[in-house]
Amino acid sequence: MDTPGGTGHPARRRRPELIPREFLRVIAVWSLIPSYLLAGGLIGYALDRWLKVFPYITAVGLLIALVFAVRDMLRLHRSL
């Protein structure tokens, strides 16, 4: 669109987004839990194998990962 008198540049059009921002935010929130649990489980499992006390450290690693995932999910939810 032109400005009122016919002079000026046309208004800039927003480029259509390939993936909507809302969808990306939802993916960010829901990818936290599996990624944290995977990392906590792998670190706990490695420590268990090293210290030969399986499955205790794996369980602790999963619980700590779940706490951090919920904390970050709530933080992201508040920022949205």
C-alpha atoms as a PDB file:
ATOM      1  CA  MET A   1       0.000   0.000   0.000  1.00  0.00           C
ATOM      2  CA  ASP A   2       1.122   3.500  -0.678  1.00  0.00           C
ATOM      3  CA  THR A   3       1.075   6.294   1.815  1.00  0.00           C
ATOM      4  CA  PRO A   4      -1.898   8.691   1.607  1.00  0.00           C
ATOM      5  CA  GLY A   5      -0.958  11.047  -1.258  1.00  0.00           C
ATOM      6  CA  GLY A   6       0.450   8.384  -3.509  1.00  0.00           C
ATOM      7  CA  THR A   7       4.077   9.051  -2.589  1.00  0.00           C
ATOM      8  CA  GLY A   8       6.408   6.873  -0.592  1.00  0.00           C
ATOM      9  CA  HIS A   9       7.331   3.257  -0.620  1.00  0.00           C
ATOM     10  CA  PRO A  10       4.919   0.394  -0.436  1.00  0.00           C
ATOM     11  CA  ALA A  11       4.531  -1.049   3.053  1.00  0.00           C
ATOM     12  CA  ARG A  12       6.831  -3.920   3.760  1.00  0.00           C
ATOM     13  CA  ARG A  13       5.127  -7.253   3.690  1.00  0.00           C
ATOM     14  CA  ARG A  14       5.969  -9.899   6.239  1.00  0.00           C
ATOM     15  CA  ARG A  15       7.363 -13.018   4.699  1.00  0.00           C
ATOM     16  CA  PRO A  16       5.204 -16.043   5.321  1.00  0.00           C
ATOM     17  CA  GLU A  17       6.746 -18.312   7.916  1.00  0.00           C
ATOM     18  CA  LEU A  18       7.503 -21.860   6.902  1.00  0.00           C
ATOM     19  CA  ILE A  19       6.838 -23.098  10.447  1.00  0.00           C
ATOM     20  CA  PRO A  20       4.678 -20.922  12.729  1.00  0.00           C
ATOM     21  CA  ARG A  21       6.391 -19.549  15.844  1.00  0.00           C
ATOM     22  CA  GLU A  22       3.719 -20.977  18.124  1.00  0.00           C
ATOM     23  CA  PHE A  23       4.425 -24.465  16.826  1.00  0.00           C
ATOM     24  CA  LEU A  24       8.162 -24.007  17.431  1.00  0.00           C
ATOM     25  CA  ARG A  25       7.475 -22.895  20.998  1.00  0.00           C
ATOM     26  CA  VAL A  26       5.383 -25.989  21.642  1.00  0.00           C
ATOM     27  CA  ILE A  27       8.151 -28.183  20.250  1.00  0.00           C
ATOM     28  CA  ALA A  28      10.686 -26.423  22.506  1.00  0.00           C
ATOM     29  CA  VAL A  29       8.594 -27.058  25.605  1.00  0.00           C
ATOM     30  CA  TRP A  30       7.858 -30.710  24.853  1.00  0.00           C
ATOM     31  CA  SER A  31      11.397 -31.552  23.730  1.00  0.00           C
ATOM     32  CA  LEU A  32      12.764 -30.631  27.163  1.00  0.00           C
ATOM     33  CA  ILE A  33      11.464 -33.671  29.018  1.00  0.00           C
ATOM     34  CA  PRO A  34      12.794 -36.403  26.688  1.00  0.00           C
ATOM     35  CA  SER A  35      16.153 -34.718  26.164  1.00  0.00           C
ATOM     36  CA  TYR A  36      16.728 -34.127  29.894  1.00  0.00           C
ATOM     37  CA  LEU A  37      15.648 -37.669  30.773  1.00  0.00           C
ATOM     38  CA  LEU A  38      17.904 -39.137  28.100  1.00  0.00           C
ATOM     39  CA  ALA A  39      20.891 -37.124  29.330  1.00  0.00           C
ATOM     40  CA  GLY A  40      20.211 -37.911  33.001  1.00  0.00           C
ATOM     41  CA  GLY A  41      19.714 -41.588  32.264  1.00  0.00           C
ATOM     42  CA  LEU A  42      22.880 -41.888  30.188  1.00  0.00           C
ATOM     43  CA  ILE A  43      25.021 -40.040  32.712  1.00  0.00           C
ATOM     44  CA  GLY A  44      23.573 -42.096  35.573  1.00  0.00           C
ATOM     45  CA  TYR A  45      24.050 -45.336  33.667  1.00  0.00           C
ATOM     46  CA  ALA A  46      27.673 -44.485  32.881  1.00  0.00           C
ATOM     47  CA  LEU A  47      28.355 -43.695  36.529  1.00  0.00           C
ATOM     48  CA  ASP A  48      26.611 -46.923  37.572  1.00  0.00           C
ATOM     49  CA  ARG A  49      28.768 -48.978  35.231  1.00  0.00           C
ATOM     50  CA  TRP A  50      31.892 -47.233  36.462  1.00  0.00           C
ATOM     51  CA  LEU A  51      31.072 -47.584  40.187  1.00  0.00           C
ATOM     52  CA  LYS A  52      29.286 -50.971  39.746  1.00  0.00           C
ATOM     53  CA  VAL A  53      26.190 -49.999  41.774  1.00  0.00           C
ATOM     54  CA  PHE A  54      23.507 -50.372  39.066  1.00  0.00           C
ATOM     55  CA  PRO A  55      20.585 -49.147  39.117  1.00  0.00           C
ATOM     56  CA  TYR A  56      20.838 -46.636  41.966  1.00  0.00           C
ATOM     57  CA  ILE A  57      22.695 -43.776  40.299  1.00  0.00           C
ATOM     58  CA  THR A  58      20.628 -44.196  37.127  1.00  0.00           C
ATOM     59  CA  ALA A  59      17.460 -43.687  39.168  1.00  0.00           C
ATOM     60  CA  VAL A  60      18.909 -40.614  40.874  1.00  0.00           C
ATOM     61  CA  GLY A  61      20.034 -39.234  37.499  1.00  0.00           C
ATOM     62  CA  LEU A  62      16.541 -39.694  36.064  1.00  0.00           C
ATOM     63  CA  LEU A  63      14.908 -37.988  39.044  1.00  0.00           C
ATOM     64  CA  ILE A  64      17.289 -35.037  38.878  1.00  0.00           C
ATOM     65  CA  ALA A  65      16.714 -34.765  35.117  1.00  0.00           C
ATOM     66  CA  LEU A  66      12.948 -34.769  35.659  1.00  0.00           C
ATOM     67  CA  VAL A  67      13.219 -31.970  38.229  1.00  0.00           C
ATOM     68  CA  PHE A  68      15.300 -29.842  35.855  1.00  0.00           C
ATOM     69  CA  ALA A  69      12.957 -30.558  32.934  1.00  0.00           C
ATOM     70  CA  VAL A  70       9.885 -29.480  34.900  1.00  0.00           C
ATOM     71  CA  ARG A  71      11.699 -26.369  36.140  1.00  0.00           C
ATOM     72  CA  ASP A  72      12.708 -25.325  32.629  1.00  0.00           C
ATOM     73  CA  MET A  73       9.281 -26.187  31.218  1.00  0.00           C
ATOM     74  CA  LEU A  74       7.611 -23.920  33.769  1.00  0.00           C
ATOM     75  CA  ARG A  75      10.121 -21.172  33.018  1.00  0.00           C
ATOM     76  CA  LEU A  76       9.398 -21.420  29.282  1.00  0.00           C
ATOM     77  CA  HIS A  77       5.660 -21.519  29.946  1.00  0.00           C
ATOM     78  CA  ARG A  78       5.867 -18.260  31.927  1.00  0.00           C
ATOM     79  CA  SER A  79       7.871 -16.588  29.165  1.00  0.00           C
ATOM     80  CA  LEU A  80       5.271 -17.483  26.522  1.00  0.00           C
END
